[in-house]
Amino acid sequence: MNESLVKEVRNALDQWLEAFNNNDIEALMSVYDSEIVYANSAKPIEIGIPMVKEGFIKSFGIKPKVFFKEEQAIAVDDLGYIAGQFRVAGTSPEDGSAVGESGRVVVIFRRNEVGEWKLVFDMDNRPPDVTI
């Protein structure tokens, strides 16, 4: 494992977290690879930026913020992996009540031909042992 590459992948994830927490759809999509596969445990698989973007536009209706706790990070050559726990919190536009969910996520980044780390696989689940 290359610690320098792990740091680069963490920086790419930090860009994703910042864009998500700012509800900035264009900045968020800039972190994704055109071949993104998004496997959310609550809906059918989404493949490609247009499909993933549509899903996030809908989810931004609650003005969500995400909190992330890393559990593992590995990077070698042109692939990097980060796993951890997440909690998303927002406000229902219908009644102003607090809404959210928590779970575990695995994200895989691939370094492209110009050296940028792009998210190519994003999968989450909702196990009972999540603590954040």
Protein backbone atom coordinates (compact mmCIF):
# COMPACT_ATOMS: atom_id res chain seq x y z
CA MET A 1 0.00 0.00 0.00
CA ASN A 2 1.24 3.46 -0.90
CA GLU A 3 0.46 6.08 1.78
CA SER A 4 0.91 8.91 -0.73
CA LEU A 5 -1.73 7.39 -2.99
CA VAL A 6 -4.04 6.83 0.00
CA LYS A 7 -3.74 10.54 0.79
CA GLU A 8 -4.67 11.42 -2.82
CA VAL A 9 -7.74 9.18 -2.66
CA ARG A 10 -8.74 10.69 0.69
CA ASN A 11 -8.46 14.13 -0.91
CA ALA A 12 -10.82 13.01 -3.69
CA LEU A 13 -13.29 11.76 -1.07
CA ASP A 14 -12.96 15.08 0.78
CA GLN A 15 -13.95 16.85 -2.46
CA TRP A 16 -17.01 14.61 -2.67
CA LEU A 17 -17.95 15.27 0.96
CA GLU A 18 -17.58 19.04 0.53
CA ALA A 19 -19.67 19.08 -2.66
CA PHE A 20 -22.37 16.92 -1.07
CA ASN A 21 -22.52 19.02 2.10
CA ASN A 22 -22.81 22.16 0.00
CA ASN A 23 -25.54 20.46 -2.07
CA ASP A 24 -23.50 21.47 -5.14
CA ILE A 25 -24.60 19.01 -7.82
CA GLU A 26 -22.07 20.12 -10.45
CA ALA A 27 -19.11 19.91 -8.05
CA LEU A 28 -20.38 16.54 -6.86
CA MET A 29 -20.67 15.14 -10.37
CA SER A 30 -17.15 16.36 -11.19
CA VAL A 31 -15.81 13.77 -8.72
CA TYR A 32 -17.50 10.90 -10.57
CA ASP A 33 -16.06 8.90 -13.44
CA SER A 34 -18.33 8.68 -16.49
CA GLU A 35 -18.58 4.93 -15.83
CA ILE A 36 -19.78 5.31 -12.23
CA VAL A 37 -21.77 2.44 -10.75
CA TYR A 38 -23.84 3.51 -7.73
CA ALA A 39 -25.37 0.71 -5.68
CA ASN A 40 -27.55 2.30 -3.02
CA SER A 41 -29.22 -0.25 -0.77
CA ALA A 42 -32.57 1.55 -1.00
CA LYS A 43 -33.01 1.71 -4.79
CA PRO A 44 -32.06 0.04 -8.08
CA ILE A 45 -28.50 0.31 -9.33
CA GLU A 46 -27.58 3.52 -11.17
CA ILE A 47 -24.95 3.52 -13.92
CA GLY A 48 -23.43 6.64 -15.46
CA ILE A 49 -23.36 10.28 -14.39
CA PRO A 50 -26.80 11.25 -15.83
CA MET A 51 -28.57 8.58 -13.79
CA VAL A 52 -26.55 9.24 -10.62
CA LYS A 53 -27.07 12.99 -11.00
CA GLU A 54 -30.84 12.60 -11.22
CA GLY A 55 -30.85 10.64 -7.96
CA PHE A 56 -28.77 13.22 -6.12
CA ILE A 57 -30.89 16.12 -7.37
CA LYS A 58 -33.88 14.42 -5.75
CA SER A 59 -32.01 13.72 -2.52
CA PHE A 60 -30.84 17.34 -2.26
CA GLY A 61 -34.48 18.27 -1.61
CA ILE A 62 -33.87 17.62 2.10
CA LYS A 63 -30.71 19.81 2.14
CA PRO A 64 -28.65 16.88 3.43
CA LYS A 65 -25.36 16.91 5.28
CA VAL A 66 -23.23 13.80 5.53
CA PHE A 67 -20.92 12.79 8.35
CA PHE A 68 -18.27 10.18 7.56
CA LYS A 69 -16.01 8.00 9.72
CA GLU A 70 -13.29 6.14 7.83
CA GLU A 71 -12.70 2.50 8.72
CA GLN A 72 -10.23 1.47 6.00
CA ALA A 73 -8.35 3.00 3.08
CA ILE A 74 -6.15 1.25 0.54
CA ALA A 75 -4.57 2.53 -2.68
CA VAL A 76 -2.27 0.85 -5.17
CA ASP A 77 -1.32 1.93 -8.67
CA ASP A 78 -4.45 3.51 -10.19
CA LEU A 79 -7.11 2.19 -7.78
CA GLY A 80 -8.08 3.37 -4.34
CA TYR A 81 -10.68 2.12 -1.90
CA ILE A 82 -12.21 3.74 1.19
CA ALA A 83 -14.75 2.14 3.50
CA GLY A 84 -16.48 3.64 6.48
CA GLN A 85 -19.62 4.63 8.30
CA PHE A 86 -21.87 7.50 7.28
CA ARG A 87 -24.81 9.41 8.62
CA VAL A 88 -26.94 11.67 6.43
CA ALA A 89 -29.22 14.22 8.07
CA GLY A 90 -31.61 16.70 6.51
CA THR A 91 -35.00 18.35 6.82
CA SER A 92 -38.21 17.16 5.22
CA PRO A 93 -39.54 19.82 2.83
CA GLU A 94 -43.11 18.68 3.61
CA ASP A 95 -43.20 19.23 7.35
CA GLY A 96 -39.77 20.44 8.47
CA SER A 97 -39.08 17.28 10.45
CA ALA A 98 -35.59 15.84 10.75
CA VAL A 99 -34.86 13.00 8.33
CA GLY A 100 -31.82 10.89 7.75
CA GLU A 101 -30.18 7.53 7.65
CA SER A 102 -26.92 5.88 8.53
CA GLY A 103 -24.95 2.97 7.20
CA ARG A 104 -21.67 1.80 5.82
CA VAL A 105 -20.21 2.76 2.45
CA VAL A 106 -17.48 1.48 0.14
CA VAL A 107 -16.17 3.78 -2.56
CA ILE A 108 -13.62 2.91 -5.21
CA PHE A 109 -11.66 5.58 -7.03
CA ARG A 110 -9.68 5.15 -10.24
CA ARG A 111 -6.95 7.52 -11.39
CA ASN A 112 -7.67 8.65 -14.94
CA GLU A 113 -5.24 9.38 -17.77
CA VAL A 114 -4.62 12.95 -16.54
CA GLY A 115 -3.96 11.85 -12.97
CA GLU A 116 -7.32 12.76 -11.41
CA TRP A 117 -8.95 10.36 -8.96
CA LYS A 118 -12.56 9.73 -10.01
CA LEU A 119 -15.22 7.76 -8.20
CA VAL A 120 -16.09 4.61 -10.21
CA PHE A 121 -18.00 2.52 -7.67
CA ASP A 122 -20.13 3.63 -4.70
CA MET A 123 -22.07 1.11 -2.61
CA ASP A 124 -23.77 1.49 0.74
CA ASN A 125 -25.78 -0.65 3.11
CA ARG A 126 -27.61 -0.24 6.40
CA PRO A 127 -26.11 -2.73 8.89
CA PRO A 128 -27.11 -2.68 12.57
CA ASP A 129 -23.57 -2.07 13.89
CA VAL A 130 -23.16 1.50 12.59
CA THR A 131 -22.42 3.86 15.47
CA ILE A 132 -22.45 7.37 13.99
